[in-house]
């Protein structure tokens, strides 16, 4: 008797699933505009360096800055700050809320 009720249960599940699947499902998709891209290969970096603003920054030690900035001059990160930063003559890049992790982390 248990086998018959199990088979009936499976049949009812399959029937109800097939009924739901046959009905059209309306799905709304929001198409977001493509983000602005600054290609650092084609841009001449000024001697004042560049600033990346509006970034979620991971510090590599478990901390995070929700909206911060990174200042790079020469080949060094000179500052990681809460909020936006401005450096006279520097190229300013809007990270548009993307996540950054300044520096390198040895994961070996």
PDB file of N, CA and C in Angstrom:
ATOM      1  N   UNK A   1       0.820  -1.197   0.000  1.00  0.00           N
ATOM      2  CA  UNK A   1       0.000   0.000   0.000  1.00  0.00           C
ATOM      3  C   UNK A   1       0.865   1.263   0.000  1.00  0.00           C
ATOM      4  N   UNK A   2       2.020   1.215   0.702  1.00  0.00           N
ATOM      5  CA  UNK A   2       2.898   2.383   0.733  1.00  0.00           C
ATOM      6  C   UNK A   2       3.440   2.710  -0.642  1.00  0.00           C
ATOM      7  N   UNK A   3       3.726   1.687  -1.471  1.00  0.00           N
ATOM      8  CA  UNK A   3       4.246   1.912  -2.804  1.00  0.00           C
ATOM      9  C   UNK A   3       3.234   2.627  -3.682  1.00  0.00           C
ATOM     10  N   UNK A   4       1.970   2.285  -3.570  1.00  0.00           N
ATOM     11  CA  UNK A   4       0.932   2.931  -4.374  1.00  0.00           C
ATOM     12  C   UNK A   4       0.800   4.397  -3.991  1.00  0.00           C
ATOM     13  N   UNK A   5       0.818   4.712  -2.702  1.00  0.00           N
ATOM     14  CA  UNK A   5       0.688   6.112  -2.310  1.00  0.00           C
ATOM     15  C   UNK A   5       1.923   6.912  -2.714  1.00  0.00           C
ATOM     16  N   UNK A   6       3.109   6.314  -2.713  1.00  0.00           N
ATOM     17  CA  UNK A   6       4.325   6.994  -3.153  1.00  0.00           C
ATOM     18  C   UNK A   6       4.260   7.273  -4.643  1.00  0.00           C
ATOM     19  N   UNK A   7       3.808   6.290  -5.424  1.00  0.00           N
ATOM     20  CA  UNK A   7       3.664   6.481  -6.871  1.00  0.00           C
ATOM     21  C   UNK A   7       2.634   7.560  -7.164  1.00  0.00           C
ATOM     22  N   UNK A   8       1.525   7.557  -6.444  1.00  0.00           N
ATOM     23  CA  UNK A   8       0.499   8.586  -6.619  1.00  0.00           C
ATOM     24  C   UNK A   8       1.070   9.965  -6.306  1.00  0.00           C
ATOM     25  N   UNK A   9       1.848  10.065  -5.226  1.00  0.00           N
ATOM     26  CA  UNK A   9       2.463  11.339  -4.826  1.00  0.00           C
ATOM     27  C   UNK A   9       3.403  11.843  -5.918  1.00  0.00           C
ATOM     28  N   UNK A  10       4.251  10.952  -6.445  1.00  0.00           N
ATOM     29  CA  UNK A  10       5.195  11.341  -7.504  1.00  0.00           C
ATOM     30  C   UNK A  10       4.426  11.787  -8.746  1.00  0.00           C
ATOM     31  N   UNK A  11       3.373  11.040  -9.097  1.00  0.00           N
ATOM     32  CA  UNK A  11       2.581  11.401 -10.278  1.00  0.00           C
ATOM     33  C   UNK A  11       1.935  12.774 -10.106  1.00  0.00           C
ATOM     34  N   UNK A  12       1.406  13.053  -8.920  1.00  0.00           N
ATOM     35  CA  UNK A  12       0.798  14.363  -8.667  1.00  0.00           C
ATOM     36  C   UNK A  12       1.838  15.478  -8.743  1.00  0.00           C
ATOM     37  N   UNK A  13       3.022  15.207  -8.210  1.00  0.00           N
ATOM     38  CA  UNK A  13       4.092  16.217  -8.283  1.00  0.00           C
ATOM     39  C   UNK A  13       4.475  16.491  -9.731  1.00  0.00           C
ATOM     40  N   UNK A  14       4.650  15.445 -10.510  1.00  0.00           N
ATOM     41  CA  UNK A  14       5.011  15.625 -11.910  1.00  0.00           C
ATOM     42  C   UNK A  14       3.913  16.357 -12.673  1.00  0.00           C
ATOM     43  N   UNK A  15       2.660  16.014 -12.402  1.00  0.00           N
ATOM     44  CA  UNK A  15       1.539  16.663 -13.072  1.00  0.00           C
ATOM     45  C   UNK A  15       1.498  18.154 -12.714  1.00  0.00           C
ATOM     46  N   UNK A  16       1.652  18.466 -11.431  1.00  0.00           N
ATOM     47  CA  UNK A  16       1.578  19.877 -11.029  1.00  0.00           C
ATOM     48  C   UNK A  16       2.766  20.658 -11.561  1.00  0.00           C
ATOM     49  N   UNK A  17       3.947  20.024 -11.622  1.00  0.00           N
ATOM     50  CA  UNK A  17       5.119  20.711 -12.173  1.00  0.00           C
ATOM     51  C   UNK A  17       4.938  20.961 -13.660  1.00  0.00           C
ATOM     52  N   UNK A  18       4.376  19.991 -14.383  1.00  0.00           N
ATOM     53  CA  UNK A  18       4.194  20.168 -15.820  1.00  0.00           C
ATOM     54  C   UNK A  18       3.147  21.239 -16.099  1.00  0.00           C
ATOM     55  N   UNK A  19       2.140  21.374 -15.242  1.00  0.00           N
ATOM     56  CA  UNK A  19       1.133  22.411 -15.423  1.00  0.00           C
ATOM     57  C   UNK A  19       1.748  23.796 -15.253  1.00  0.00           C
ATOM     58  N   UNK A  20       2.596  23.949 -14.236  1.00  0.00           N
ATOM     59  CA  UNK A  20       3.226  25.247 -14.008  1.00  0.00           C
ATOM     60  C   UNK A  20       4.184  25.592 -15.130  1.00  0.00           C
ATOM     61  N   UNK A  21       4.893  24.593 -15.625  1.00  0.00           N
ATOM     62  CA  UNK A  21       5.890  24.842 -16.651  1.00  0.00           C
ATOM     63  C   UNK A  21       5.247  25.207 -17.981  1.00  0.00           C
ATOM     64  N   UNK A  22       4.006  24.758 -18.239  1.00  0.00           N
ATOM     65  CA  UNK A  22       3.376  25.047 -19.517  1.00  0.00           C
ATOM     66  C   UNK A  22       2.832  26.465 -19.581  1.00  0.00           C
ATOM     67  N   UNK A  23       2.666  27.118 -18.445  1.00  0.00           N
ATOM     68  CA  UNK A  23       2.176  28.483 -18.442  1.00  0.00           C
ATOM     69  C   UNK A  23       3.339  29.441 -18.705  1.00  0.00           C
ATOM     70  N   UNK A  24       3.113  30.450 -19.534  1.00  0.00           N
ATOM     71  CA  UNK A  24       4.197  31.394 -19.801  1.00  0.00           C
ATOM     72  C   UNK A  24       4.549  32.187 -18.534  1.00  0.00           C
ATOM     73  N   UNK A  25       5.799  32.442 -18.395  1.00  0.00           N
ATOM     74  CA  UNK A  25       6.281  33.203 -17.236  1.00  0.00           C
ATOM     75  C   UNK A  25       6.782  34.553 -17.736  1.00  0.00           C
ATOM     76  N   UNK A  26       6.224  35.605 -17.195  1.00  0.00           N
ATOM     77  CA  UNK A  26       6.657  36.944 -17.571  1.00  0.00           C
ATOM     78  C   UNK A  26       7.871  37.323 -16.729  1.00  0.00           C
ATOM     79  N   UNK A  27       8.934  37.657 -17.408  1.00  0.00           N
ATOM     80  CA  UNK A  27      10.163  38.036 -16.716  1.00  0.00           C
ATOM     81  C   UNK A  27      10.548  39.429 -17.194  1.00  0.00           C
ATOM     82  N   UNK A  28      10.708  40.327 -16.254  1.00  0.00           N
ATOM     83  CA  UNK A  28      11.148  41.672 -16.596  1.00  0.00           C
ATOM     84  C   UNK A  28      12.641  41.754 -16.364  1.00  0.00           C
ATOM     85  N   UNK A  29      13.352  42.227 -17.351  1.00  0.00           N
ATOM     86  CA  UNK A  29      14.789  42.396 -17.193  1.00  0.00           C
ATOM     87  C   UNK A  29      15.131  43.857 -17.379  1.00  0.00           C
ATOM     88  N   UNK A  30      15.964  44.325 -16.491  1.00  0.00           N
ATOM     89  CA  UNK A  30      16.428  45.707 -16.595  1.00  0.00           C
ATOM     90  C   UNK A  30      17.781  45.692 -17.274  1.00  0.00           C
ATOM     91  N   UNK A  31      17.914  46.424 -18.334  1.00  0.00           N
ATOM     92  CA  UNK A  31      19.185  46.504 -19.036  1.00  0.00           C
ATOM     93  C   UNK A  31      19.895  47.757 -18.550  1.00  0.00           C
ATOM     94  N   UNK A  32      21.013  47.529 -17.874  1.00  0.00           N
ATOM     95  CA  UNK A  32      21.765  48.677 -17.370  1.00  0.00           C
ATOM     96  C   UNK A  32      22.738  49.132 -18.446  1.00  0.00           C
ATOM     97  N   UNK A  33      23.000  50.415 -18.489  1.00  0.00           N
ATOM     98  CA  UNK A  33      23.927  50.920 -19.500  1.00  0.00           C
ATOM     99  C   UNK A  33      25.337  50.398 -19.233  1.00  0.00           C
ATOM    100  N   UNK A  34      26.093  50.266 -20.293  1.00  0.00           N
ATOM    101  CA  UNK A  34      27.472  49.799 -20.151  1.00  0.00           C
ATOM    102  C   UNK A  34      28.265  50.815 -19.336  1.00  0.00           C
ATOM    103  N   UNK A  35      29.099  50.330 -18.416  1.00  0.00           N
ATOM    104  CA  UNK A  35      29.875  51.257 -17.596  1.00  0.00           C
ATOM    105  C   UNK A  35      30.912  51.999 -18.428  1.00  0.00           C
ATOM    106  N   UNK A  36      31.229  53.201 -17.995  1.00  0.00           N
ATOM    107  CA  UNK A  36      32.281  53.970 -18.646  1.00  0.00           C
ATOM    108  C   UNK A  36      33.606  53.283 -18.372  1.00  0.00           C
ATOM    109  N   UNK A  37      34.426  53.171 -19.390  1.00  0.00           N
ATOM    110  CA  UNK A  37      35.690  52.462 -19.243  1.00  0.00           C
ATOM    111  C   UNK A  37      36.842  53.412 -19.522  1.00  0.00           C
ATOM    112  N   UNK A  38      37.819  53.426 -18.637  1.00  0.00           N
ATOM    113  CA  UNK A  38      39.046  54.178 -18.854  1.00  0.00           C
ATOM    114  C   UNK A  38      40.132  53.156 -19.142  1.00  0.00           C
ATOM    115  N   UNK A  39      40.586  53.109 -20.367  1.00  0.00           N
ATOM    116  CA  UNK A  39      41.622  52.157 -20.758  1.00  0.00           C
ATOM    117  C   UNK A  39      42.982  52.769 -20.451  1.00  0.00           C
ATOM    118  N   UNK A  40      43.610  52.284 -19.390  1.00  0.00           N
ATOM    119  CA  UNK A  40      44.885  52.856 -18.957  1.00  0.00           C
ATOM    120  C   UNK A  40      46.020  52.541 -19.917  1.00  0.00           C
ATOM    121  N   UNK A  41      45.797  51.649 -20.881  1.00  0.00           N
ATOM    122  CA  UNK A  41      46.820  51.352 -21.884  1.00  0.00           C
ATOM    123  C   UNK A  41      46.905  52.463 -22.920  1.00  0.00           C
ATOM    124  N   UNK A  42      45.784  53.165 -23.132  1.00  0.00           N
ATOM    125  CA  UNK A  42      45.763  54.192 -24.171  1.00  0.00           C
ATOM    126  C   UNK A  42      45.788  55.608 -23.602  1.00  0.00           C
ATOM    127  N   UNK A  43      45.691  55.747 -22.292  1.00  0.00           N
ATOM    128  CA  UNK A  43      45.679  57.063 -21.665  1.00  0.00           C
ATOM    129  C   UNK A  43      47.069  57.355 -21.111  1.00  0.00           C
ATOM    130  N   UNK A  44      47.536  58.553 -21.334  1.00  0.00           N
ATOM    131  CA  UNK A  44      48.810  58.957 -20.745  1.00  0.00           C
ATOM    132  C   UNK A  44      48.551  59.370 -19.305  1.00  0.00           C
ATOM    133  N   UNK A  45      49.219  58.685 -18.388  1.00  0.00           N
ATOM    134  CA  UNK A  45      49.046  58.992 -16.969  1.00  0.00           C
ATOM    135  C   UNK A  45      49.883  60.232 -16.648  1.00  0.00           C
ATOM    136  N   UNK A  46      49.257  61.263 -16.097  1.00  0.00           N
ATOM    137  CA  UNK A  46      50.007  62.464 -15.750  1.00  0.00           C
ATOM    138  C   UNK A  46      51.048  62.181 -14.663  1.00  0.00           C
ATOM    139  N   UNK A  47      52.003  63.061 -14.537  1.00  0.00           N
ATOM    140  CA  UNK A  47      53.042  62.881 -13.510  1.00  0.00           C
ATOM    141  C   UNK A  47      52.442  62.901 -12.108  1.00  0.00           C
ATOM    142  N   UNK A  48      51.264  63.519 -11.944  1.00  0.00           N
ATOM    143  CA  UNK A  48      50.592  63.548 -10.639  1.00  0.00           C
ATOM    144  C   UNK A  48      49.929  62.210 -10.323  1.00  0.00           C
ATOM    145  N   UNK A  49      49.909  61.276 -11.289  1.00  0.00           N
ATOM    146  CA  UNK A  49      49.341  59.960 -11.054  1.00  0.00           C
ATOM    147  C   UNK A  49      47.866  59.886 -11.386  1.00  0.00           C
ATOM    148  N   UNK A  50      47.187  58.945 -10.735  1.00  0.00           N
ATOM    149  CA  UNK A  50      45.749  58.825 -10.954  1.00  0.00           C
ATOM    150  C   UNK A  50      45.044  58.486  -9.648  1.00  0.00           C
ATOM    151  N   UNK A  51      43.758  58.816  -9.632  1.00  0.00           N
ATOM    152  CA  UNK A  51      42.909  58.597  -8.462  1.00  0.00           C
ATOM    153  C   UNK A  51      41.731  57.741  -8.904  1.00  0.00           C
ATOM    154  N   UNK A  52      41.437  56.700  -8.140  1.00  0.00           N
ATOM    155  CA  UNK A  52      40.248  55.889  -8.396  1.00  0.00           C
ATOM    156  C   UNK A  52      39.264  56.206  -7.282  1.00  0.00           C
ATOM    157  N   UNK A  53      38.148  56.824  -7.642  1.00  0.00           N
ATOM    158  CA  UNK A  53      37.111  57.206  -6.682  1.00  0.00           C
ATOM    159  C   UNK A  53      35.912  56.270  -6.782  1.00  0.00           C
ATOM    160  N   UNK A  54      35.034  56.352  -5.779  1.00  0.00           N
ATOM    161  CA  UNK A  54      33.760  55.641  -5.770  1.00  0.00           C
ATOM    162  C   UNK A  54      33.953  54.127  -5.874  1.00  0.00           C
ATOM    163  N   UNK A  55      34.852  53.592  -5.046  1.00  0.00           N
ATOM    164  CA  UNK A  55      35.147  52.163  -5.066  1.00  0.00           C
ATOM    165  C   UNK A  55      34.848  51.523  -3.714  1.00  0.00           C
ATOM    166  N   UNK A  56      34.398  50.277  -3.748  1.00  0.00           N
ATOM    167  CA  UNK A  56      34.316  49.464  -2.538  1.00  0.00           C
ATOM    168  C   UNK A  56      35.708  48.853  -2.398  1.00  0.00           C
ATOM    169  N   UNK A  57      36.387  49.129  -1.291  1.00  0.00           N
ATOM    170  CA  UNK A  57      37.786  48.733  -1.151  1.00  0.00           C
ATOM    171  C   UNK A  57      37.936  47.678  -0.061  1.00  0.00           C
ATOM    172  N   UNK A  58      38.522  46.537  -0.447  1.00  0.00           N
ATOM    173  CA  UNK A  58      38.851  45.485   0.512  1.00  0.00           C
ATOM    174  C   UNK A  58      40.287  45.712   0.958  1.00  0.00           C
ATOM    175  N   UNK A  59      40.528  45.626   2.268  1.00  0.00           N
ATOM    176  CA  UNK A  59      41.882  45.917   2.741  1.00  0.00           C
ATOM    177  C   UNK A  59      42.773  44.688   2.854  1.00  0.00           C
ATOM    178  N   UNK A  60      42.270  43.498   2.541  1.00  0.00           N
ATOM    179  CA  UNK A  60      43.077  42.297   2.598  1.00  0.00           C
ATOM    180  C   UNK A  60      43.226  41.716   3.996  1.00  0.00           C
ATOM    181  N   UNK A  61      42.637  42.379   4.992  1.00  0.00           N
ATOM    182  CA  UNK A  61      42.695  41.898   6.373  1.00  0.00           C
ATOM    183  C   UNK A  61      41.293  41.695   6.939  1.00  0.00           C
ATOM    184  N   UNK A  62      40.298  41.664   6.068  1.00  0.00           N
ATOM    185  CA  UNK A  62      38.922  41.453   6.505  1.00  0.00           C
ATOM    186  C   UNK A  62      38.109  42.728   6.615  1.00  0.00           C
ATOM    187  N   UNK A  63      38.738  43.875   6.439  1.00  0.00           N
ATOM    188  CA  UNK A  63      38.027  45.151   6.506  1.00  0.00           C
ATOM    189  C   UNK A  63      37.581  45.613   5.128  1.00  0.00           C
ATOM    190  N   UNK A  64      36.656  46.566   5.121  1.00  0.00           N
ATOM    191  CA  UNK A  64      36.146  47.070   3.853  1.00  0.00           C
ATOM    192  C   UNK A  64      35.743  48.534   4.005  1.00  0.00           C
ATOM    193  N   UNK A  65      36.050  49.328   2.999  1.00  0.00           N
ATOM    194  CA  UNK A  65      35.568  50.704   2.897  1.00  0.00           C
ATOM    195  C   UNK A  65      34.467  50.680   1.845  1.00  0.00           C
ATOM    196  N   UNK A  66      33.255  51.029   2.222  1.00  0.00           N
ATOM    197  CA  UNK A  66      32.114  50.955   1.304  1.00  0.00           C
ATOM    198  C   UNK A  66      32.257  51.899   0.108  1.00  0.00           C
ATOM    199  N   UNK A  67      32.726  53.112   0.348  1.00  0.00           N
ATOM    200  CA  UNK A  67      32.904  54.086  -0.740  1.00  0.00           C
ATOM    201  C   UNK A  67      34.203  54.827  -0.474  1.00  0.00           C
ATOM    202  N   UNK A  68      35.239  54.433  -1.179  1.00  0.00           N
ATOM    203  CA  UNK A  68      36.540  55.021  -0.912  1.00  0.00           C
ATOM    204  C   UNK A  68      37.287  55.369  -2.177  1.00  0.00           C
ATOM    205  N   UNK A  69      38.556  55.744  -1.994  1.00  0.00           N
ATOM    206  CA  UNK A  69      39.399  56.137  -3.118  1.00  0.00           C
ATOM    207  C   UNK A  69      40.818  55.636  -2.913  1.00  0.00           C
ATOM    208  N   UNK A  70      41.513  55.475  -4.023  1.00  0.00           N
ATOM    209  CA  UNK A  70      42.905  55.033  -4.024  1.00  0.00           C
ATOM    210  C   UNK A  70      43.685  56.020  -4.865  1.00  0.00           C
ATOM    211  N   UNK A  71      44.809  56.487  -4.334  1.00  0.00           N
ATOM    212  CA  UNK A  71      45.675  57.421  -5.055  1.00  0.00           C
ATOM    213  C   UNK A  71      46.956  56.677  -5.430  1.00  0.00           C
ATOM    214  N   UNK A  72      47.273  56.707  -6.725  1.00  0.00           N
ATOM    215  CA  UNK A  72      48.476  56.051  -7.231  1.00  0.00           C
ATOM    216  C   UNK A  72      49.354  57.106  -7.878  1.00  0.00           C
ATOM    217  N   UNK A  73      50.623  57.145  -7.460  1.00  0.00           N
ATOM    218  CA  UNK A  73      51.600  58.061  -8.060  1.00  0.00           C
ATOM    219  C   UNK A  73      52.852  57.261  -8.378  1.00  0.00           C
ATOM    220  N   UNK A  74      53.340  57.419  -9.607  1.00  0.00           N
ATOM    221  CA  UNK A  74      54.459  56.597 -10.044  1.00  0.00           C
ATOM    222  C   UNK A  74      54.014  55.150 -10.094  1.00  0.00           C
ATOM    223  N   UNK A  75      54.749  54.280  -9.446  1.00  0.00           N
ATOM    224  CA  UNK A  75      54.348  52.872  -9.402  1.00  0.00           C
ATOM    225  C   UNK A  75      53.973  52.449  -7.992  1.00  0.00           C
ATOM    226  N   UNK A  76      53.469  53.400  -7.190  1.00  0.00           N
ATOM    227  CA  UNK A  76      53.102  53.104  -5.806  1.00  0.00           C
ATOM    228  C   UNK A  76      51.705  53.606  -5.472  1.00  0.00           C
ATOM    229  N   UNK A  77      51.027  52.841  -4.627  1.00  0.00           N
ATOM    230  CA  UNK A  77      49.780  53.302  -4.030  1.00  0.00           C
ATOM    231  C   UNK A  77      50.206  54.171  -2.860  1.00  0.00           C
ATOM    232  N   UNK A  78      49.867  55.456  -2.916  1.00  0.00           N
ATOM    233  CA  UNK A  78      50.311  56.362  -1.859  1.00  0.00           C
ATOM    234  C   UNK A  78      49.242  56.608  -0.809  1.00  0.00           C
ATOM    235  N   UNK A  79      47.975  56.306  -1.157  1.00  0.00           N
ATOM    236  CA  UNK A  79      46.923  56.567  -0.188  1.00  0.00           C
ATOM    237  C   UNK A  79      45.668  55.769  -0.514  1.00  0.00           C
ATOM    238  N   UNK A  80      45.028  55.271   0.538  1.00  0.00           N
ATOM    239  CA  UNK A  80      43.710  54.642   0.445  1.00  0.00           C
ATOM    240  C   UNK A  80      42.832  55.386   1.435  1.00  0.00           C
ATOM    241  N   UNK A  81      41.738  55.979   0.960  1.00  0.00           N
ATOM    242  CA  UNK A  81      40.934  56.875   1.788  1.00  0.00           C
ATOM    243  C   UNK A  81      39.456  56.513   1.789  1.00  0.00           C
ATOM    244  N   UNK A  82      38.777  56.933   2.843  1.00  0.00           N
ATOM    245  CA  UNK A  82      37.316  56.890   2.911  1.00  0.00           C
ATOM    246  C   UNK A  82      36.811  58.069   2.094  1.00  0.00           C
ATOM    247  N   UNK A  83      35.825  57.875   1.227  1.00  0.00           N
ATOM    248  CA  UNK A  83      35.278  58.957   0.407  1.00  0.00           C
ATOM    249  C   UNK A  83      36.145  59.233  -0.808  1.00  0.00           C
ATOM    250  N   UNK A  84      35.738  60.229  -1.586  1.00  0.00           N
ATOM    251  CA  UNK A  84      36.477  60.587  -2.796  1.00  0.00           C
ATOM    252  C   UNK A  84      37.707  61.416  -2.452  1.00  0.00           C
ATOM    253  N   UNK A  85      38.701  61.333  -3.338  1.00  0.00           N
ATOM    254  CA  UNK A  85      39.921  62.129  -3.187  1.00  0.00           C
ATOM    255  C   UNK A  85      40.157  62.927  -4.456  1.00  0.00           C
ATOM    256  N   UNK A  86      40.838  64.042  -4.308  1.00  0.00           N
ATOM    257  CA  UNK A  86      41.220  64.865  -5.452  1.00  0.00           C
ATOM    258  C   UNK A  86      42.698  65.159  -5.365  1.00  0.00           C
ATOM    259  N   UNK A  87      43.383  65.010  -6.490  1.00  0.00           N
ATOM    260  CA  UNK A  87      44.794  65.352  -6.582  1.00  0.00           C
ATOM    261  C   UNK A  87      44.931  66.238  -7.813  1.00  0.00           C
ATOM    262  N   UNK A  88      45.468  67.427  -7.617  1.00  0.00           N
ATOM    263  CA  UNK A  88      45.624  68.371  -8.722  1.00  0.00           C
ATOM    264  C   UNK A  88      46.477  67.752  -9.821  1.00  0.00           C
ATOM    265  N   UNK A  89      45.964  67.773 -11.046  1.00  0.00           N
ATOM    266  CA  UNK A  89      46.689  67.274 -12.199  1.00  0.00           C
ATOM    267  C   UNK A  89      46.630  65.765 -12.394  1.00  0.00           C
ATOM    268  N   UNK A  90      45.972  65.042 -11.503  1.00  0.00           N
ATOM    269  CA  UNK A  90      45.895  63.584 -11.621  1.00  0.00           C
ATOM    270  C   UNK A  90      44.700  63.174 -12.473  1.00  0.00           C
ATOM    271  N   UNK A  91      44.825  62.033 -13.124  1.00  0.00           N
ATOM    272  CA  UNK A  91      43.716  61.439 -13.857  1.00  0.00           C
ATOM    273  C   UNK A  91      42.743  60.878 -12.826  1.00  0.00           C
ATOM    274  N   UNK A  92      41.453  61.203 -12.949  1.00  0.00           N
ATOM    275  CA  UNK A  92      40.448  60.711 -12.013  1.00  0.00           C
ATOM    276  C   UNK A  92      39.586  59.666 -12.705  1.00  0.00           C
ATOM    277  N   UNK A  93      39.461  58.506 -12.063  1.00  0.00           N
ATOM    278  CA  UNK A  93      38.696  57.392 -12.610  1.00  0.00           C
ATOM    279  C   UNK A  93      37.547  57.098 -11.650  1.00  0.00           C
ATOM    280  N   UNK A  94      36.333  56.981 -12.176  1.00  0.00           N
ATOM    281  CA  UNK A  94      35.170  56.619 -11.370  1.00  0.00           C
ATOM    282  C   UNK A  94      34.996  55.106 -11.428  1.00  0.00           C
ATOM    283  N   UNK A  95      35.149  54.428 -10.300  1.00  0.00           N
ATOM    284  CA  UNK A  95      35.018  52.970 -10.251  1.00  0.00           C
ATOM    285  C   UNK A  95      33.562  52.530 -10.285  1.00  0.00           C
ATOM    286  N   UNK A  96      32.631  53.450 -10.160  1.00  0.00           N
ATOM    287  CA  UNK A  96      31.197  53.176 -10.218  1.00  0.00           C
ATOM    288  C   UNK A  96      30.773  52.090  -9.239  1.00  0.00           C
ATOM    289  N   UNK A  97      31.372  52.114  -8.041  1.00  0.00           N
ATOM    290  CA  UNK A  97      30.985  51.178  -6.991  1.00  0.00           C
ATOM    291  C   UNK A  97      31.599  49.798  -7.095  1.00  0.00           C
ATOM    292  N   UNK A  98      32.468  49.595  -8.050  1.00  0.00           N
ATOM    293  CA  UNK A  98      33.113  48.278  -8.185  1.00  0.00           C
ATOM    294  C   UNK A  98      34.045  48.026  -7.008  1.00  0.00           C
ATOM    295  N   UNK A  99      34.374  46.765  -6.813  1.00  0.00           N
ATOM    296  CA  UNK A  99      35.223  46.366  -5.690  1.00  0.00           C
ATOM    297  C   UNK A  99      36.682  46.348  -6.120  1.00  0.00           C
ATOM    298  N   UNK A 100      37.535  46.961  -5.295  1.00  0.00           N
ATOM    299  CA  UNK A 100      38.975  46.983  -5.541  1.00  0.00           C
ATOM    300  C   UNK A 100      39.705  46.469  -4.317  1.00  0.00           C
ATOM    301  N   UNK A 101      40.849  45.888  -4.556  1.00  0.00           N
ATOM    302  CA  UNK A 101      41.717  45.481  -3.462  1.00  0.00           C
ATOM    303  C   UNK A 101      43.111  45.989  -3.819  1.00  0.00           C
ATOM    304  N   UNK A 102      43.539  47.080  -3.206  1.00  0.00           N
ATOM    305  CA  UNK A 102      44.830  47.659  -3.565  1.00  0.00           C
ATOM    306  C   UNK A 102      45.988  46.754  -3.150  1.00  0.00           C
ATOM    307  N   UNK A 103      47.006  46.716  -3.994  1.00  0.00           N
ATOM    308  CA  UNK A 103      48.209  45.946  -3.671  1.00  0.00           C
ATOM    309  C   UNK A 103      48.105  44.509  -4.114  1.00  0.00           C
ATOM    310  N   UNK A 104      49.053  43.733  -3.658  1.00  0.00           N
ATOM    311  CA  UNK A 104      49.108  42.315  -3.976  1.00  0.00           C
ATOM    312  C   UNK A 104      48.996  41.507  -2.704  1.00  0.00           C
ATOM    313  N   UNK A 105      48.373  40.349  -2.810  1.00  0.00           N
ATOM    314  CA  UNK A 105      48.250  39.467  -1.655  1.00  0.00           C
ATOM    315  C   UNK A 105      48.852  38.127  -2.053  1.00  0.00           C
ATOM    316  N   UNK A 106      49.804  37.657  -1.268  1.00  0.00           N
ATOM    317  CA  UNK A 106      50.404  36.357  -1.521  1.00  0.00           C
ATOM    318  C   UNK A 106      49.487  35.295  -0.943  1.00  0.00           C
ATOM    319  N   UNK A 107      48.856  34.525  -1.814  1.00  0.00           N
ATOM    320  CA  UNK A 107      47.900  33.517  -1.365  1.00  0.00           C
ATOM    321  C   UNK A 107      48.530  32.125  -1.301  1.00  0.00           C
ATOM    322  N   UNK A 108      49.842  32.064  -1.388  1.00  0.00           N
ATOM    323  CA  UNK A 108      50.495  30.746  -1.348  1.00  0.00           C
ATOM    324  C   UNK A 108      50.848  30.349   0.059  1.00  0.00           C
TER     325      UNK A 108
END
